[in-house]
Amino acid sequence: MLTRQGWVILVVAVGVLIAARAFGIIELYVAGAVLVILPVACLLYVRAARVRLRVARSLSPTRVHAGDATRVELGATNLGSRRTPVLRLRDPVGGTRGALLHLAPLRPGESARAAYRLPTTRRGIIAVGPLGLEVGDPFGLAVQAAEAAPVLELTVYPRIDRIAAPGGGGDRDPHGSAANPNVLGRQGDDFYALREYVVGDDLRRVHWPSTARRDELMVRHDEMPWQDRTTIVLDVRRASHSASSLERAVSAAASVLAASASGEHLTRFMASDAVDSGLGSGIAHNEAILEYLARLDAVGHGSFRQVLDTLTRASQGGILIAVLGRATPGELDTLARLRRTFRTVVAVVSEGPMPEPSGLQARLTRVDNTRDGAFGPSWGTLVRSIRTEVVA
């Protein structure tokens, strides 16, 4: 097909031919004929170009946090028997024109590689492609385009503040099923149960007094380690947020999730649009939450109070981190009452002004997230105060 320049040349040629007929000037006929022949010849040139190219494209990595580096890597190999012309590779990125790369002529069997960086300043899903391959003529009057590679998706997770995991929300039950299990016996270290010896068990764990009484080898189960439990509740209602406060809130929730994962906490994520991850841990559990946060937009439905009521009826204990937009007094009062079932309750306020503590709310710990850069220092102060309470 003709490019914009090609169509301009044709329009000019028509004008020149009309002028030649009107004034009877032979030179204008010659100039008009040349201007007609040139784009037609260019069009025939690009249609005659036989390009057999194998193109490979990949994202590295495919999932990043906002601000982290990622890039698209391209590889092209000439599968034809002739040298290729100069080729253009056009890769749209996120609905924009994206990247434009020029590929130098390749000999038969020759390969070339190229790469470019992608913008990751904001969270979300960035569509890359489809990659278009364009063969043009030396004058830029005609082009032949074909799709060389399909669309790829880059997932940009929310920005993460490097914060410490909150402590003081642990239990000895790694599955959160009992808050205070009973010790069944003592012999050296605390342990919780006995079972019969199975081939392969460590003989150092044989409980000899029980073995002597039962006349069979009994193995002890040592005390289970402390396991913190963190519940993160995110308010995603459009009425509670501005565009900037939603981004701060999502980033704060992702930061607490990352800190809890580094501290090997059991984590539960809930949102006001009825999303509930359940209590869990591990890479798959955390990545599913981050995927939700990457795609999240504020919604006009949902109830933050309903989420808090659910926690009031069926709490799993530990630490509660509620990430809010605009905090209403009623919501803060409900959060303060959850101190009966959670060891620590924290309100992260992302849309100002910060409410003053009064009455029942005085029991509530607050973290300022009402401006960019405020969350990290405020969270650091919170973690230090929790550790001080635990030590005391």
Foldseek 3Di string as FASTA:
>chain_A
DWDPVLVVLLVVLVVLVVVCVVVVDVVSVVVSVVSVVVLVVFAVVQVPFDWDKAKDKDKVPQEEAAPDKIKMKMKMFTQDQAKHCWKWKFKDKQPHSHDIDIDHIDHHGDMDMDMDIDHRNAFAKMKIDQIKMWDGDPVRTDIDIDRNHHIGIHGHFYAADQAAAFDDFWAQDQVLPDRDQDFPDDDPATFRDKDFDDPPDDPVQWDVVVCVVVVGTIGTGGGGDIAFEEEEEEEQAPVQADPVLLSLLLRLSLNNLVNNQVVRHFYWYYYQVGDILPTGHDDVSSVVVRSCSSHDHRDNDGDPVVVLVVCVVDPSEGEYEYETEDDDPVNLLSQLVCVVRYVAYEYEYQDDDDDDQDDSSVSYHYAYNPDPPRRRVSVNVVSVVSVVVVVD
